[in-house]
Amino acid sequence: MLALVEHKALHAFGYHRHPRLRGHTVDDYLDPRHTDEAALLDELARSPYVRNRGKARC
């Protein structure tokens, strides 16, 4: 998941100004000047936007 966010971050920046995670927009995490993909994934995991069902099965 981290690799996917790293790959897509530049293209996603600018489209996520309104959803807020602990006071920050998703764009704040995707800003190319200081991208923090790991923090974004941590905040998404704690948010109501993601339902945690345990470990993914491959």
PDB file of N, CA and C in Angstrom:
ATOM      1  N   MET A   1       0.816  -1.186   0.000  1.00  0.00           N
ATOM      2  CA  MET A   1       0.000   0.000   0.000  1.00  0.00           C
ATOM      3  C   MET A   1       0.865   1.257   0.000  1.00  0.00           C
ATOM      4  N   LEU A   2       1.935   1.208   0.757  1.00  0.00           N
ATOM      5  CA  LEU A   2       2.836   2.360   0.809  1.00  0.00           C
ATOM      6  C   LEU A   2       3.420   2.659  -0.572  1.00  0.00           C
ATOM      7  N   ALA A   3       3.831   1.639  -1.287  1.00  0.00           N
ATOM      8  CA  ALA A   3       4.401   1.833  -2.631  1.00  0.00           C
ATOM      9  C   ALA A   3       3.359   2.428  -3.578  1.00  0.00           C
ATOM     10  N   LEU A   4       2.117   2.012  -3.451  1.00  0.00           N
ATOM     11  CA  LEU A   4       1.047   2.545  -4.294  1.00  0.00           C
ATOM     12  C   LEU A   4       0.852   4.037  -4.019  1.00  0.00           C
ATOM     13  N   VAL A   5       0.791   4.412  -2.761  1.00  0.00           N
ATOM     14  CA  VAL A   5       0.615   5.824  -2.410  1.00  0.00           C
ATOM     15  C   VAL A   5       1.824   6.636  -2.876  1.00  0.00           C
ATOM     16  N   GLU A   6       3.023   6.114  -2.699  1.00  0.00           N
ATOM     17  CA  GLU A   6       4.229   6.814  -3.176  1.00  0.00           C
ATOM     18  C   GLU A   6       4.161   7.048  -4.683  1.00  0.00           C
ATOM     19  N   HIS A   7       3.708   6.043  -5.412  1.00  0.00           N
ATOM     20  CA  HIS A   7       3.641   6.129  -6.869  1.00  0.00           C
ATOM     21  C   HIS A   7       2.576   7.130  -7.339  1.00  0.00           C
ATOM     22  N   LYS A   8       1.457   7.202  -6.633  1.00  0.00           N
ATOM     23  CA  LYS A   8       0.326   8.028  -7.069  1.00  0.00           C
ATOM     24  C   LYS A   8       0.271   9.407  -6.419  1.00  0.00           C
ATOM     25  N   ALA A   9       1.080   9.673  -5.410  1.00  0.00           N
ATOM     26  CA  ALA A   9       0.988  10.906  -4.628  1.00  0.00           C
ATOM     27  C   ALA A   9       1.047  12.166  -5.485  1.00  0.00           C
ATOM     28  N   LEU A  10       1.984  12.252  -6.393  1.00  0.00           N
ATOM     29  CA  LEU A  10       2.134  13.455  -7.211  1.00  0.00           C
ATOM     30  C   LEU A  10       0.880  13.705  -8.054  1.00  0.00           C
ATOM     31  N   HIS A  11       0.286  12.632  -8.569  1.00  0.00           N
ATOM     32  CA  HIS A  11      -0.903  12.766  -9.409  1.00  0.00           C
ATOM     33  C   HIS A  11      -2.152  13.064  -8.580  1.00  0.00           C
ATOM     34  N   ALA A  12      -2.173  12.629  -7.332  1.00  0.00           N
ATOM     35  CA  ALA A  12      -3.347  12.820  -6.463  1.00  0.00           C
ATOM     36  C   ALA A  12      -3.354  14.197  -5.802  1.00  0.00           C
ATOM     37  N   PHE A  13      -2.193  14.803  -5.668  1.00  0.00           N
ATOM     38  CA  PHE A  13      -2.096  16.105  -5.001  1.00  0.00           C
ATOM     39  C   PHE A  13      -2.928  17.139  -5.749  1.00  0.00           C
ATOM     40  N   GLY A  14      -3.729  17.885  -4.984  1.00  0.00           N
ATOM     41  CA  GLY A  14      -4.575  18.927  -5.573  1.00  0.00           C
ATOM     42  C   GLY A  14      -6.029  18.516  -5.684  1.00  0.00           C
ATOM     43  N   TYR A  15      -6.319  17.250  -5.509  1.00  0.00           N
ATOM     44  CA  TYR A  15      -7.688  16.744  -5.625  1.00  0.00           C
ATOM     45  C   TYR A  15      -8.302  16.404  -4.271  1.00  0.00           C
ATOM     46  N   HIS A  16      -7.574  16.558  -3.189  1.00  0.00           N
ATOM     47  CA  HIS A  16      -8.040  16.111  -1.876  1.00  0.00           C
ATOM     48  C   HIS A  16      -7.916  17.223  -0.838  1.00  0.00           C
ATOM     49  N   ARG A  17      -8.518  18.363  -1.139  1.00  0.00           N
ATOM     50  CA  ARG A  17      -8.433  19.523  -0.242  1.00  0.00           C
ATOM     51  C   ARG A  17      -9.439  19.464   0.896  1.00  0.00           C
ATOM     52  N   HIS A  18     -10.532  18.760   0.715  1.00  0.00           N
ATOM     53  CA  HIS A  18     -11.611  18.824   1.694  1.00  0.00           C
ATOM     54  C   HIS A  18     -11.630  17.709   2.729  1.00  0.00           C
ATOM     55  N   PRO A  19     -11.369  16.457   2.381  1.00  0.00           N
ATOM     56  CA  PRO A  19     -11.366  15.459   3.463  1.00  0.00           C
ATOM     57  C   PRO A  19     -10.279  15.803   4.472  1.00  0.00           C
ATOM     58  N   ARG A  20     -10.637  15.791   5.751  1.00  0.00           N
ATOM     59  CA  ARG A  20      -9.679  16.133   6.788  1.00  0.00           C
ATOM     60  C   ARG A  20      -9.410  14.929   7.674  1.00  0.00           C
ATOM     61  N   LEU A  21      -8.145  14.753   8.011  1.00  0.00           N
ATOM     62  CA  LEU A  21      -7.702  13.701   8.915  1.00  0.00           C
ATOM     63  C   LEU A  21      -6.956  14.372  10.047  1.00  0.00           C
ATOM     64  N   ARG A  22      -7.556  14.390  11.204  1.00  0.00           N
ATOM     65  CA  ARG A  22      -6.956  15.039  12.383  1.00  0.00           C
ATOM     66  C   ARG A  22      -6.509  16.471  12.096  1.00  0.00           C
ATOM     67  N   GLY A  23      -7.355  17.213  11.430  1.00  0.00           N
ATOM     68  CA  GLY A  23      -7.074  18.626  11.176  1.00  0.00           C
ATOM     69  C   GLY A  23      -6.258  18.925   9.936  1.00  0.00           C
ATOM     70  N   HIS A  24      -5.804  17.912   9.233  1.00  0.00           N
ATOM     71  CA  HIS A  24      -5.018  18.108   8.005  1.00  0.00           C
ATOM     72  C   HIS A  24      -5.785  17.555   6.816  1.00  0.00           C
ATOM     73  N   THR A  25      -5.639  18.207   5.677  1.00  0.00           N
ATOM     74  CA  THR A  25      -6.247  17.662   4.469  1.00  0.00           C
ATOM     75  C   THR A  25      -5.368  16.525   3.938  1.00  0.00           C
ATOM     76  N   VAL A  26      -5.939  15.694   3.117  1.00  0.00           N
ATOM     77  CA  VAL A  26      -5.158  14.629   2.476  1.00  0.00           C
ATOM     78  C   VAL A  26      -4.073  15.269   1.615  1.00  0.00           C
ATOM     79  N   ASP A  27      -4.386  16.393   0.978  1.00  0.00           N
ATOM     80  CA  ASP A  27      -3.373  17.104   0.193  1.00  0.00           C
ATOM     81  C   ASP A  27      -2.170  17.522   1.038  1.00  0.00           C
ATOM     82  N   ASP A  28      -2.377  17.823   2.312  1.00  0.00           N
ATOM     83  CA  ASP A  28      -1.240  18.165   3.179  1.00  0.00           C
ATOM     84  C   ASP A  28      -0.236  17.015   3.220  1.00  0.00           C
ATOM     85  N   TYR A  29      -0.725  15.796   3.257  1.00  0.00           N
ATOM     86  CA  TYR A  29       0.153  14.622   3.301  1.00  0.00           C
ATOM     87  C   TYR A  29       0.777  14.325   1.933  1.00  0.00           C
ATOM     88  N   LEU A  30       0.096  14.740   0.856  1.00  0.00           N
ATOM     89  CA  LEU A  30       0.554  14.436  -0.505  1.00  0.00           C
ATOM     90  C   LEU A  30       1.376  15.555  -1.135  1.00  0.00           C
ATOM     91  N   ASP A  31       1.558  16.648  -0.431  1.00  0.00           N
ATOM     92  CA  ASP A  31       2.291  17.801  -0.965  1.00  0.00           C
ATOM     93  C   ASP A  31       3.680  17.361  -1.421  1.00  0.00           C
ATOM     94  N   PRO A  32       4.022  17.582  -2.692  1.00  0.00           N
ATOM     95  CA  PRO A  32       5.317  17.125  -3.220  1.00  0.00           C
ATOM     96  C   PRO A  32       6.531  17.716  -2.506  1.00  0.00           C
ATOM     97  N   ARG A  33       6.372  18.849  -1.840  1.00  0.00           N
ATOM     98  CA  ARG A  33       7.501  19.460  -1.126  1.00  0.00           C
ATOM     99  C   ARG A  33       7.856  18.692   0.145  1.00  0.00           C
ATOM    100  N   HIS A  34       6.878  17.972   0.702  1.00  0.00           N
ATOM    101  CA  HIS A  34       7.128  17.207   1.930  1.00  0.00           C
ATOM    102  C   HIS A  34       6.086  16.094   2.075  1.00  0.00           C
ATOM    103  N   THR A  35       6.092  15.193   1.126  1.00  0.00           N
ATOM    104  CA  THR A  35       5.149  14.083   1.122  1.00  0.00           C
ATOM    105  C   THR A  35       5.432  13.149   2.301  1.00  0.00           C
ATOM    106  N   ASP A  36       4.350  12.741   2.973  1.00  0.00           N
ATOM    107  CA  ASP A  36       4.484  11.808   4.099  1.00  0.00           C
ATOM    108  C   ASP A  36       3.462  10.685   3.927  1.00  0.00           C
ATOM    109  N   GLU A  37       3.799   9.747   3.049  1.00  0.00           N
ATOM    110  CA  GLU A  37       2.881   8.665   2.720  1.00  0.00           C
ATOM    111  C   GLU A  37       2.571   7.777   3.925  1.00  0.00           C
ATOM    112  N   ALA A  38       3.579   7.492   4.733  1.00  0.00           N
ATOM    113  CA  ALA A  38       3.375   6.617   5.893  1.00  0.00           C
ATOM    114  C   ALA A  38       2.409   7.255   6.887  1.00  0.00           C
ATOM    115  N   ALA A  39       2.551   8.548   7.130  1.00  0.00           N
ATOM    116  CA  ALA A  39       1.629   9.239   8.043  1.00  0.00           C
ATOM    117  C   ALA A  39       0.216   9.255   7.472  1.00  0.00           C
ATOM    118  N   LEU A  40       0.090   9.446   6.163  1.00  0.00           N
ATOM    119  CA  LEU A  40      -1.224   9.414   5.526  1.00  0.00           C
ATOM    120  C   LEU A  40      -1.886   8.063   5.735  1.00  0.00           C
ATOM    121  N   LEU A  41      -1.155   6.993   5.497  1.00  0.00           N
ATOM    122  CA  LEU A  41      -1.731   5.656   5.675  1.00  0.00           C
ATOM    123  C   LEU A  41      -2.102   5.407   7.130  1.00  0.00           C
ATOM    124  N   ASP A  42      -1.292   5.869   8.070  1.00  0.00           N
ATOM    125  CA  ASP A  42      -1.618   5.732   9.495  1.00  0.00           C
ATOM    126  C   ASP A  42      -2.907   6.465   9.829  1.00  0.00           C
ATOM    127  N   GLU A  43      -3.037   7.689   9.335  1.00  0.00           N
ATOM    128  CA  GLU A  43      -4.242   8.473   9.615  1.00  0.00           C
ATOM    129  C   GLU A  43      -5.471   7.875   8.939  1.00  0.00           C
ATOM    130  N   LEU A  44      -5.313   7.385   7.726  1.00  0.00           N
ATOM    131  CA  LEU A  44      -6.446   6.731   7.048  1.00  0.00           C
ATOM    132  C   LEU A  44      -6.897   5.494   7.815  1.00  0.00           C
ATOM    133  N   ALA A  45      -5.956   4.739   8.344  1.00  0.00           N
ATOM    134  CA  ALA A  45      -6.297   3.530   9.103  1.00  0.00           C
ATOM    135  C   ALA A  45      -7.112   3.873  10.345  1.00  0.00           C
ATOM    136  N   ARG A  46      -6.886   5.043  10.923  1.00  0.00           N
ATOM    137  CA  ARG A  46      -7.620   5.478  12.119  1.00  0.00           C
ATOM    138  C   ARG A  46      -8.928   6.189  11.788  1.00  0.00           C
ATOM    139  N   SER A  47      -9.121   6.527  10.529  1.00  0.00           N
ATOM    140  CA  SER A  47     -10.259   7.350  10.119  1.00  0.00           C
ATOM    141  C   SER A  47     -11.520   6.519   9.893  1.00  0.00           C
ATOM    142  N   PRO A  48     -12.658   7.187   9.784  1.00  0.00           N
ATOM    143  CA  PRO A  48     -13.896   6.480   9.453  1.00  0.00           C
ATOM    144  C   PRO A  48     -13.980   6.102   7.970  1.00  0.00           C
ATOM    145  N   TYR A  49     -13.005   6.519   7.168  1.00  0.00           N
ATOM    146  CA  TYR A  49     -13.014   6.223   5.734  1.00  0.00           C
ATOM    147  C   TYR A  49     -12.556   4.807   5.408  1.00  0.00           C
ATOM    148  N   VAL A  50     -11.882   4.162   6.363  1.00  0.00           N
ATOM    149  CA  VAL A  50     -11.317   2.832   6.130  1.00  0.00           C
ATOM    150  C   VAL A  50     -11.823   1.893   7.208  1.00  0.00           C
ATOM    151  N   ARG A  51     -12.307   0.742   6.777  1.00  0.00           N
ATOM    152  CA  ARG A  51     -12.750  -0.279   7.722  1.00  0.00           C
ATOM    153  C   ARG A  51     -11.642  -1.309   7.852  1.00  0.00           C
ATOM    154  N   ASN A  52     -11.089  -1.434   9.027  1.00  0.00           N
ATOM    155  CA  ASN A  52      -9.986  -2.360   9.272  1.00  0.00           C
ATOM    156  C   ASN A  52     -10.548  -3.744   9.532  1.00  0.00           C
ATOM    157  N   ARG A  53     -10.218  -4.678   8.696  1.00  0.00           N
ATOM    158  CA  ARG A  53     -10.683  -6.054   8.847  1.00  0.00           C
ATOM    159  C   ARG A  53      -9.533  -6.986   9.176  1.00  0.00           C
ATOM    160  N   GLY A  54      -8.453  -6.466   9.699  1.00  0.00           N
ATOM    161  CA  GLY A  54      -7.297  -7.307  10.001  1.00  0.00           C
ATOM    162  C   GLY A  54      -6.346  -7.357   8.836  1.00  0.00           C
ATOM    163  N   LYS A  55      -5.467  -8.341   8.850  1.00  0.00           N
ATOM    164  CA  LYS A  55      -4.466  -8.479   7.800  1.00  0.00           C
ATOM    165  C   LYS A  55      -5.113  -8.860   6.478  1.00  0.00           C
ATOM    166  N   ALA A  56      -4.545  -8.309   5.420  1.00  0.00           N
ATOM    167  CA  ALA A  56      -5.018  -8.636   4.072  1.00  0.00           C
ATOM    168  C   ALA A  56      -4.597 -10.057   3.710  1.00  0.00           C
ATOM    169  N   ARG A  57      -5.462 -10.718   3.004  1.00  0.00           N
ATOM    170  CA  ARG A  57      -5.127 -12.065   2.522  1.00  0.00           C
ATOM    171  C   ARG A  57      -4.777 -11.979   1.050  1.00  0.00           C
ATOM    172  N   CYS A  58      -3.663 -12.567   0.685  1.00  0.00           N
ATOM    173  CA  CYS A  58      -3.210 -12.545  -0.717  1.00  0.00           C
ATOM    174  C   CYS A  58      -3.322 -13.903  -1.331  1.00  0.00           C
TER     175      CYS A  58
END
